[in-house]
Amino acid sequence: MSRLTKQQSRVKRHRHVRVKIKGTTKRPRLAVYRSLKHIHAQIIDDTVGRTLISSSTAKLKLTGTVSGAAKVGEAIGKLAQDLKITEVVFDRGGYKYHGQVKAVAEGARSAGLKL
């Protein structure tokens, strides 16, 4: 029996969670992805399979720290307000809800999004 790597375990957790989480037109999905250097956030409408808004620390010229992640959350919240999106479903991407992922969620909440 082979052991799963951390990446394989995360993908498996994410697939399990995605069964329950669906983004609609009224309440799209806020998906978070962490790479080694950056953190990315997207608001996705799953009914048509289209990304409505995206933001990342790479796009904002920031580092992938907790403070950078909070600024990504604020930026995505402000962009969502411009498109009149007030509520989203939070998809943590199989990551634990702490650190950078939590900072993105709190930043989005501070910008006026309801998770």
N, C-alpha and C. Protein backbone atom coordinates (compact mmCIF):
# COMPACT_ATOMS: atom_id res chain seq x y z
N MET A 1 0.83 -1.18 0.00
CA MET A 1 0.00 0.00 0.00
C MET A 1 0.88 1.25 0.00
N SER A 2 0.59 2.17 -0.89
CA SER A 2 1.37 3.39 -0.94
C SER A 2 0.66 4.49 -0.17
N ARG A 3 1.44 5.35 0.45
CA ARG A 3 0.87 6.47 1.18
C ARG A 3 0.61 7.63 0.24
N LEU A 4 -0.40 8.41 0.55
CA LEU A 4 -0.69 9.59 -0.25
C LEU A 4 0.24 10.73 0.16
N THR A 5 0.64 11.52 -0.80
CA THR A 5 1.43 12.71 -0.49
C THR A 5 0.50 13.78 0.07
N LYS A 6 1.07 14.85 0.59
CA LYS A 6 0.24 15.95 1.11
C LYS A 6 -0.66 16.52 0.03
N GLN A 7 -0.10 16.68 -1.17
CA GLN A 7 -0.87 17.23 -2.28
C GLN A 7 -2.03 16.30 -2.66
N GLN A 8 -1.76 15.01 -2.72
CA GLN A 8 -2.82 14.05 -3.06
C GLN A 8 -3.91 14.02 -1.99
N SER A 9 -3.52 14.14 -0.73
CA SER A 9 -4.49 14.17 0.36
C SER A 9 -5.36 15.42 0.28
N ARG A 10 -4.75 16.55 -0.05
CA ARG A 10 -5.50 17.81 -0.17
C ARG A 10 -6.50 17.72 -1.31
N VAL A 11 -6.08 17.19 -2.44
CA VAL A 11 -6.98 17.06 -3.59
C VAL A 11 -8.13 16.13 -3.26
N LYS A 12 -7.86 15.06 -2.53
CA LYS A 12 -8.90 14.12 -2.12
C LYS A 12 -9.91 14.81 -1.19
N ARG A 13 -9.41 15.58 -0.22
CA ARG A 13 -10.30 16.33 0.68
C ARG A 13 -11.13 17.34 -0.10
N HIS A 14 -10.49 18.03 -1.06
CA HIS A 14 -11.17 19.05 -1.83
C HIS A 14 -12.30 18.44 -2.67
N ARG A 15 -12.05 17.28 -3.28
CA ARG A 15 -13.09 16.61 -4.06
C ARG A 15 -14.27 16.22 -3.17
N HIS A 16 -13.98 15.79 -1.97
CA HIS A 16 -15.02 15.39 -1.02
C HIS A 16 -15.89 16.60 -0.64
N VAL A 17 -15.26 17.73 -0.41
CA VAL A 17 -15.98 18.94 -0.01
C VAL A 17 -16.77 19.52 -1.18
N ARG A 18 -16.22 19.43 -2.39
CA ARG A 18 -16.87 20.02 -3.57
C ARG A 18 -18.17 19.33 -3.94
N VAL A 19 -18.42 18.15 -3.40
CA VAL A 19 -19.70 17.49 -3.63
C VAL A 19 -20.82 18.33 -3.02
N LYS A 20 -20.56 18.93 -1.88
CA LYS A 20 -21.57 19.71 -1.17
C LYS A 20 -21.61 21.17 -1.59
N ILE A 21 -20.47 21.73 -1.99
CA ILE A 21 -20.38 23.17 -2.29
C ILE A 21 -20.58 23.40 -3.77
N LYS A 22 -21.60 24.20 -4.11
CA LYS A 22 -21.86 24.59 -5.49
C LYS A 22 -22.07 26.10 -5.53
N GLY A 23 -21.46 26.75 -6.48
CA GLY A 23 -21.66 28.19 -6.66
C GLY A 23 -22.77 28.43 -7.65
N THR A 24 -23.71 29.29 -7.28
CA THR A 24 -24.82 29.62 -8.18
C THR A 24 -24.67 31.06 -8.65
N THR A 25 -25.60 31.50 -9.48
CA THR A 25 -25.54 32.86 -9.97
C THR A 25 -25.80 33.85 -8.83
N LYS A 26 -26.73 33.53 -7.94
CA LYS A 26 -27.03 34.42 -6.82
C LYS A 26 -25.97 34.34 -5.72
N ARG A 27 -25.39 33.15 -5.54
CA ARG A 27 -24.39 32.96 -4.49
C ARG A 27 -23.21 32.16 -5.06
N PRO A 28 -22.26 32.86 -5.72
CA PRO A 28 -21.13 32.16 -6.34
C PRO A 28 -20.15 31.62 -5.30
N ARG A 29 -19.19 30.87 -5.78
CA ARG A 29 -18.21 30.20 -4.91
C ARG A 29 -16.92 31.01 -4.86
N LEU A 30 -16.41 31.26 -3.65
CA LEU A 30 -15.11 31.91 -3.44
C LEU A 30 -14.10 30.80 -3.18
N ALA A 31 -13.28 30.51 -4.20
CA ALA A 31 -12.31 29.42 -4.12
C ALA A 31 -10.93 29.97 -3.80
N VAL A 32 -10.21 29.28 -2.91
CA VAL A 32 -8.87 29.71 -2.49
C VAL A 32 -7.86 28.64 -2.90
N TYR A 33 -6.72 29.10 -3.42
CA TYR A 33 -5.62 28.19 -3.75
C TYR A 33 -4.32 28.78 -3.22
N ARG A 34 -3.55 27.95 -2.55
CA ARG A 34 -2.24 28.37 -2.03
C ARG A 34 -1.15 27.68 -2.82
N SER A 35 -0.22 28.46 -3.33
CA SER A 35 0.99 27.87 -3.91
C SER A 35 2.12 28.14 -2.93
N LEU A 36 3.32 27.76 -3.28
CA LEU A 36 4.43 27.98 -2.36
C LEU A 36 4.74 29.45 -2.17
N LYS A 37 4.55 30.26 -3.21
CA LYS A 37 4.89 31.69 -3.13
C LYS A 37 3.69 32.61 -2.98
N HIS A 38 2.54 32.21 -3.50
CA HIS A 38 1.40 33.13 -3.56
C HIS A 38 0.12 32.46 -3.11
N ILE A 39 -0.90 33.29 -2.94
CA ILE A 39 -2.25 32.81 -2.64
C ILE A 39 -3.20 33.43 -3.66
N HIS A 40 -4.10 32.62 -4.18
CA HIS A 40 -5.02 33.04 -5.23
C HIS A 40 -6.44 32.85 -4.75
N ALA A 41 -7.32 33.77 -5.14
CA ALA A 41 -8.74 33.67 -4.80
C ALA A 41 -9.55 33.99 -6.04
N GLN A 42 -10.61 33.23 -6.26
CA GLN A 42 -11.49 33.43 -7.41
C GLN A 42 -12.94 33.34 -6.96
N ILE A 43 -13.79 34.12 -7.60
CA ILE A 43 -15.22 33.97 -7.41
C ILE A 43 -15.75 33.34 -8.69
N ILE A 44 -16.40 32.17 -8.54
CA ILE A 44 -16.77 31.33 -9.67
C ILE A 44 -18.27 31.06 -9.66
N ASP A 45 -18.89 31.17 -10.83
CA ASP A 45 -20.28 30.77 -11.02
C ASP A 45 -20.26 29.38 -11.63
N ASP A 46 -20.60 28.36 -10.84
CA ASP A 46 -20.52 26.97 -11.30
C ASP A 46 -21.64 26.58 -12.26
N THR A 47 -22.71 27.36 -12.32
CA THR A 47 -23.79 27.00 -13.24
C THR A 47 -23.36 27.16 -14.69
N VAL A 48 -22.53 28.17 -14.97
CA VAL A 48 -22.00 28.36 -16.33
C VAL A 48 -20.52 28.00 -16.41
N GLY A 49 -19.89 27.73 -15.26
CA GLY A 49 -18.48 27.34 -15.24
C GLY A 49 -17.56 28.48 -15.62
N ARG A 50 -17.82 29.68 -15.08
CA ARG A 50 -17.03 30.84 -15.45
C ARG A 50 -16.50 31.55 -14.21
N THR A 51 -15.26 32.00 -14.29
CA THR A 51 -14.67 32.81 -13.22
C THR A 51 -15.13 34.24 -13.41
N LEU A 52 -15.76 34.80 -12.38
CA LEU A 52 -16.26 36.16 -12.46
C LEU A 52 -15.19 37.17 -12.05
N ILE A 53 -14.47 36.86 -10.97
CA ILE A 53 -13.46 37.76 -10.42
C ILE A 53 -12.29 36.92 -9.94
N SER A 54 -11.09 37.46 -10.07
CA SER A 54 -9.93 36.78 -9.49
C SER A 54 -8.96 37.81 -8.94
N SER A 55 -8.21 37.38 -7.94
CA SER A 55 -7.19 38.23 -7.34
C SER A 55 -6.13 37.31 -6.74
N SER A 56 -4.92 37.82 -6.63
CA SER A 56 -3.85 37.03 -6.03
C SER A 56 -2.77 37.95 -5.51
N THR A 57 -1.88 37.39 -4.70
CA THR A 57 -0.76 38.19 -4.22
C THR A 57 0.20 38.50 -5.36
N ALA A 58 0.25 37.66 -6.37
CA ALA A 58 1.10 37.93 -7.54
C ALA A 58 0.55 39.12 -8.32
N LYS A 59 -0.77 39.18 -8.47
CA LYS A 59 -1.41 40.28 -9.20
C LYS A 59 -1.26 41.61 -8.45
N LEU A 60 -1.30 41.53 -7.12
CA LEU A 60 -1.20 42.74 -6.29
C LEU A 60 0.23 43.09 -5.91
N LYS A 61 1.19 42.31 -6.40
CA LYS A 61 2.62 42.51 -6.12
C LYS A 61 2.91 42.45 -4.62
N LEU A 62 2.37 41.41 -3.97
CA LEU A 62 2.57 41.18 -2.54
C LEU A 62 3.22 39.82 -2.34
N THR A 63 3.67 39.56 -1.13
CA THR A 63 4.19 38.24 -0.80
C THR A 63 3.04 37.38 -0.26
N GLY A 64 3.22 36.09 -0.29
CA GLY A 64 2.17 35.16 0.14
C GLY A 64 2.14 34.95 1.63
N THR A 65 2.11 36.02 2.40
CA THR A 65 2.03 35.92 3.85
C THR A 65 0.59 36.10 4.30
N VAL A 66 0.36 36.04 5.59
CA VAL A 66 -0.98 36.20 6.12
C VAL A 66 -1.50 37.62 5.84
N SER A 67 -0.65 38.61 5.97
CA SER A 67 -1.10 39.99 5.69
C SER A 67 -1.38 40.17 4.20
N GLY A 68 -0.59 39.54 3.35
CA GLY A 68 -0.85 39.59 1.91
C GLY A 68 -2.15 38.90 1.56
N ALA A 69 -2.44 37.79 2.24
CA ALA A 69 -3.67 37.06 1.99
C ALA A 69 -4.89 37.89 2.42
N ALA A 70 -4.76 38.63 3.51
CA ALA A 70 -5.86 39.48 3.96
C ALA A 70 -6.14 40.57 2.93
N LYS A 71 -5.09 41.10 2.32
CA LYS A 71 -5.27 42.13 1.29
C LYS A 71 -5.91 41.55 0.03
N VAL A 72 -5.61 40.29 -0.28
CA VAL A 72 -6.26 39.61 -1.41
C VAL A 72 -7.75 39.47 -1.12
N GLY A 73 -8.09 39.10 0.11
CA GLY A 73 -9.50 38.98 0.50
C GLY A 73 -10.23 40.31 0.40
N GLU A 74 -9.57 41.39 0.85
CA GLU A 74 -10.19 42.72 0.75
C GLU A 74 -10.38 43.12 -0.71
N ALA A 75 -9.38 42.83 -1.55
CA ALA A 75 -9.46 43.19 -2.96
C ALA A 75 -10.59 42.43 -3.65
N ILE A 76 -10.71 41.14 -3.34
CA ILE A 76 -11.77 40.36 -3.99
C ILE A 76 -13.14 40.80 -3.48
N GLY A 77 -13.21 41.23 -2.23
CA GLY A 77 -14.47 41.74 -1.69
C GLY A 77 -14.90 43.03 -2.36
N LYS A 78 -13.94 43.92 -2.61
CA LYS A 78 -14.26 45.20 -3.27
C LYS A 78 -14.67 44.97 -4.72
N LEU A 79 -13.98 44.06 -5.41
CA LEU A 79 -14.36 43.75 -6.78
C LEU A 79 -15.74 43.10 -6.85
N ALA A 80 -16.07 42.29 -5.85
CA ALA A 80 -17.38 41.65 -5.80
C ALA A 80 -18.47 42.70 -5.58
N GLN A 81 -18.20 43.68 -4.75
CA GLN A 81 -19.17 44.74 -4.51
C GLN A 81 -19.46 45.52 -5.80
N ASP A 82 -18.43 45.69 -6.63
CA ASP A 82 -18.63 46.38 -7.91
C ASP A 82 -19.57 45.60 -8.83
N LEU A 83 -19.55 44.26 -8.75
CA LEU A 83 -20.45 43.43 -9.54
C LEU A 83 -21.76 43.13 -8.82
N LYS A 84 -21.98 43.79 -7.69
CA LYS A 84 -23.18 43.63 -6.88
C LYS A 84 -23.34 42.20 -6.34
N ILE A 85 -22.22 41.59 -5.99
CA ILE A 85 -22.23 40.27 -5.34
C ILE A 85 -22.06 40.52 -3.85
N THR A 86 -23.03 40.07 -3.06
CA THR A 86 -22.97 40.31 -1.62
C THR A 86 -22.73 39.03 -0.82
N GLU A 87 -23.16 37.88 -1.35
CA GLU A 87 -23.01 36.61 -0.65
C GLU A 87 -22.26 35.63 -1.52
N VAL A 88 -21.37 34.86 -0.89
CA VAL A 88 -20.62 33.82 -1.58
C VAL A 88 -20.56 32.57 -0.71
N VAL A 89 -20.25 31.44 -1.34
CA VAL A 89 -20.00 30.19 -0.64
C VAL A 89 -18.48 30.06 -0.57
N PHE A 90 -17.93 29.83 0.61
CA PHE A 90 -16.48 29.77 0.78
C PHE A 90 -15.98 28.35 0.54
N ASP A 91 -15.04 28.22 -0.41
CA ASP A 91 -14.42 26.94 -0.73
C ASP A 91 -12.95 27.04 -0.34
N ARG A 92 -12.60 26.38 0.74
CA ARG A 92 -11.23 26.50 1.26
C ARG A 92 -10.24 25.63 0.51
N GLY A 93 -10.68 24.87 -0.46
CA GLY A 93 -9.79 24.12 -1.33
C GLY A 93 -9.09 22.94 -0.69
N GLY A 94 -9.66 22.38 0.36
CA GLY A 94 -9.03 21.24 1.02
C GLY A 94 -7.98 21.64 2.04
N TYR A 95 -7.76 22.93 2.21
CA TYR A 95 -6.79 23.42 3.20
C TYR A 95 -7.49 23.58 4.55
N LYS A 96 -6.70 23.59 5.62
CA LYS A 96 -7.26 23.88 6.93
C LYS A 96 -7.67 25.34 6.99
N TYR A 97 -8.71 25.63 7.77
CA TYR A 97 -9.19 27.00 7.90
C TYR A 97 -8.38 27.71 8.98
N HIS A 98 -7.17 28.10 8.64
CA HIS A 98 -6.33 28.89 9.52
C HIS A 98 -5.25 29.55 8.69
N GLY A 99 -4.56 30.50 9.26
CA GLY A 99 -3.46 31.15 8.55
C GLY A 99 -3.94 31.95 7.35
N GLN A 100 -3.35 31.68 6.20
CA GLN A 100 -3.65 32.44 4.99
C GLN A 100 -5.09 32.27 4.52
N VAL A 101 -5.61 31.06 4.61
CA VAL A 101 -6.98 30.80 4.16
C VAL A 101 -7.97 31.57 5.02
N LYS A 102 -7.76 31.57 6.32
CA LYS A 102 -8.62 32.33 7.23
C LYS A 102 -8.49 33.83 6.98
N ALA A 103 -7.27 34.29 6.67
CA ALA A 103 -7.04 35.71 6.40
C ALA A 103 -7.79 36.16 5.14
N VAL A 104 -7.85 35.31 4.11
CA VAL A 104 -8.61 35.65 2.91
C VAL A 104 -10.09 35.80 3.26
N ALA A 105 -10.62 34.87 4.04
CA ALA A 105 -12.03 34.92 4.42
C ALA A 105 -12.34 36.16 5.26
N GLU A 106 -11.48 36.47 6.22
CA GLU A 106 -11.71 37.65 7.06
C GLU A 106 -11.56 38.94 6.27
N GLY A 107 -10.62 38.98 5.33
CA GLY A 107 -10.46 40.15 4.48
C GLY A 107 -11.69 40.37 3.60
N ALA A 108 -12.25 39.28 3.08
CA ALA A 108 -13.46 39.39 2.26
C ALA A 108 -14.64 39.86 3.10
N ARG A 109 -14.71 39.36 4.33
CA ARG A 109 -15.79 39.81 5.23
C ARG A 109 -15.66 41.28 5.56
N SER A 110 -14.43 41.75 5.79
CA SER A 110 -14.23 43.15 6.13
C SER A 110 -14.56 44.07 4.96
N ALA A 111 -14.50 43.55 3.73
CA ALA A 111 -14.85 44.34 2.55
C ALA A 111 -16.34 44.29 2.25
N GLY A 112 -17.11 43.55 3.05
CA GLY A 112 -18.55 43.55 2.91
C GLY A 112 -19.17 42.28 2.34
N LEU A 113 -18.37 41.26 2.06
CA LEU A 113 -18.93 40.01 1.56
C LEU A 113 -19.48 39.19 2.70
N LYS A 114 -20.54 38.47 2.45
CA LYS A 114 -21.14 37.60 3.45
C LYS A 114 -20.80 36.17 3.06
N LEU A 115 -20.07 35.45 3.93
CA LEU A 115 -19.67 34.07 3.64
C LEU A 115 -20.59 33.09 4.34
